[in-house]
Amino acid sequence: MVKPKEIHALTTPVKLYHRHLNWISGAPESVYIEADDPMVFCSFKTFGGTESVVNGQIINISTATLTTWYRQDIQSPDRITLLADNSEWEIIGDPENYEMRNQYMQLRLRKLSRGV
């Protein structure tokens, strides 16, 4: 079995929040509630970000990957808070379950700006 190299250093603590929908006046509103077991220790790796032009302005979209032990309750579009700097990250796409063994998983994340 191939183990991802990131699995050997799961030292970064993050807190997991699950998305719940509240219906207000017939429209859905997303609310993020702390998971039952919110602490996740992981390997957290950021990249330089991606520059995009939005409404005529150049913005930098920060992305990261998170590798941790497999947990079935972690799904897109849940959010995590990186406890080192209290930054908020949204899970994008489906989590990758290495070799479908339910042992390790990798998530792609996008950093949320304060206005999102």
Protein backbone atom coordinates (compact mmCIF):
# COMPACT_ATOMS: atom_id res chain seq x y z
CA MET A 1 0.00 0.00 0.00
CA VAL A 2 1.19 3.49 -0.84
CA LYS A 3 1.07 5.97 2.03
CA PRO A 4 1.01 9.66 1.19
CA LYS A 5 4.18 11.31 2.48
CA GLU A 6 2.09 14.00 4.23
CA ILE A 7 0.54 11.42 6.56
CA HIS A 8 3.75 11.15 8.60
CA ALA A 9 3.42 14.64 10.12
CA LEU A 10 -0.15 15.26 11.25
CA THR A 11 0.71 18.08 13.63
CA THR A 12 -1.41 21.02 12.47
CA PRO A 13 -4.65 21.46 14.44
CA VAL A 14 -7.80 22.62 12.65
CA LYS A 15 -11.43 22.86 13.74
CA LEU A 16 -14.21 21.39 11.58
CA TYR A 17 -17.58 23.05 10.95
CA HIS A 18 -20.48 21.35 9.13
CA ARG A 19 -22.86 23.30 6.92
CA HIS A 20 -26.54 23.33 7.84
CA LEU A 21 -29.27 25.04 5.83
CA ASN A 22 -31.83 27.23 7.55
CA TRP A 23 -34.86 28.29 5.55
CA ILE A 24 -35.75 31.94 6.10
CA SER A 25 -38.75 33.32 4.18
CA GLY A 26 -38.45 30.42 1.74
CA ALA A 27 -34.77 31.03 0.95
CA PRO A 28 -31.91 28.81 2.16
CA GLU A 29 -29.28 30.37 4.41
CA SER A 30 -26.06 28.50 5.22
CA VAL A 31 -25.05 28.24 8.86
CA TYR A 32 -21.83 26.54 9.96
CA ILE A 33 -22.01 24.57 13.21
CA GLU A 34 -19.05 23.05 15.03
CA ALA A 35 -18.80 19.29 14.41
CA ASP A 36 -19.40 16.79 17.24
CA ASP A 37 -15.67 15.97 17.18
CA PRO A 38 -14.29 19.24 15.80
CA MET A 39 -10.53 18.83 16.30
CA VAL A 40 -8.64 17.40 13.33
CA PHE A 41 -4.86 17.02 13.25
CA CYS A 42 -3.52 17.21 9.73
CA SER A 43 -0.78 18.11 7.32
CA PHE A 44 -1.69 21.53 5.92
CA LYS A 45 0.07 22.77 2.78
CA THR A 46 -0.62 26.11 1.11
CA PHE A 47 0.29 27.22 -2.38
CA GLY A 48 1.06 30.67 -3.72
CA GLY A 49 -2.53 31.21 -4.72
CA THR A 50 -4.12 31.88 -8.07
CA GLU A 51 -4.49 35.34 -9.53
CA SER A 52 -7.83 36.08 -11.17
CA VAL A 53 -9.53 39.14 -12.59
CA VAL A 54 -12.91 39.77 -10.94
CA ASN A 55 -14.91 42.88 -11.84
CA GLY A 56 -11.80 44.44 -13.34
CA GLN A 57 -9.68 43.87 -10.23
CA ILE A 58 -6.83 41.40 -9.82
CA ILE A 59 -7.40 39.20 -6.77
CA ASN A 60 -5.36 36.36 -5.29
CA ILE A 61 -7.31 33.22 -4.39
CA SER A 62 -5.39 31.23 -1.76
CA THR A 63 -5.62 27.45 -1.97
CA ALA A 64 -4.33 24.60 0.18
CA THR A 65 -4.43 20.84 0.62
CA LEU A 66 -5.16 19.11 3.90
CA THR A 67 -4.17 15.48 4.50
CA THR A 68 -5.50 13.61 7.53
CA TRP A 69 -6.91 10.32 8.77
CA TYR A 70 -10.12 9.35 7.02
CA ARG A 71 -13.35 10.67 8.52
CA GLN A 72 -16.64 10.00 6.80
CA ASP A 73 -18.25 13.15 8.21
CA ILE A 74 -15.86 15.53 6.40
CA GLN A 75 -17.52 16.60 3.15
CA SER A 76 -17.77 19.51 0.78
CA PRO A 77 -18.90 22.32 1.47
CA ASP A 78 -17.89 22.06 5.14
CA ARG A 79 -15.40 24.59 6.50
CA ILE A 80 -12.34 24.43 8.69
CA THR A 81 -10.59 27.01 10.83
CA LEU A 82 -6.80 26.86 10.87
CA LEU A 83 -6.06 27.40 14.57
CA ALA A 84 -2.56 28.82 13.96
CA ASP A 85 -3.99 32.05 12.53
CA ASN A 86 -7.82 31.62 12.79
CA SER A 87 -8.17 31.76 9.00
CA GLU A 88 -11.28 30.13 7.53
CA TRP A 89 -11.11 27.68 4.64
CA GLU A 90 -13.85 26.06 2.57
CA ILE A 91 -13.61 22.48 1.31
CA ILE A 92 -13.91 22.44 -2.48
CA GLY A 93 -14.70 19.32 -4.43
CA ASP A 94 -15.05 15.82 -3.02
CA PRO A 95 -12.45 14.65 -0.48
CA GLU A 96 -10.01 12.09 -1.90
CA ASN A 97 -10.10 8.73 -0.12
CA TYR A 98 -6.64 7.23 -0.78
CA GLU A 99 -6.99 3.84 -2.50
CA MET A 100 -10.58 3.65 -1.20
CA ARG A 101 -9.28 2.10 2.05
CA ASN A 102 -10.90 4.59 4.45
CA GLN A 103 -7.54 5.27 6.11
CA TYR A 104 -6.32 8.62 4.76
CA MET A 105 -7.99 11.48 2.98
CA GLN A 106 -6.93 14.63 1.21
CA LEU A 107 -9.02 17.78 0.84
CA ARG A 108 -8.65 20.78 -1.41
CA LEU A 109 -9.38 24.07 0.31
CA ARG A 110 -10.01 27.68 -0.66
CA LYS A 111 -9.39 30.51 1.81
CA LEU A 112 -12.40 32.63 2.64
CA SER A 113 -11.93 36.38 2.71
CA ARG A 114 -13.61 38.28 5.51
CA GLY A 115 -16.43 39.44 3.22
CA VAL A 116 -17.49 35.92 2.13
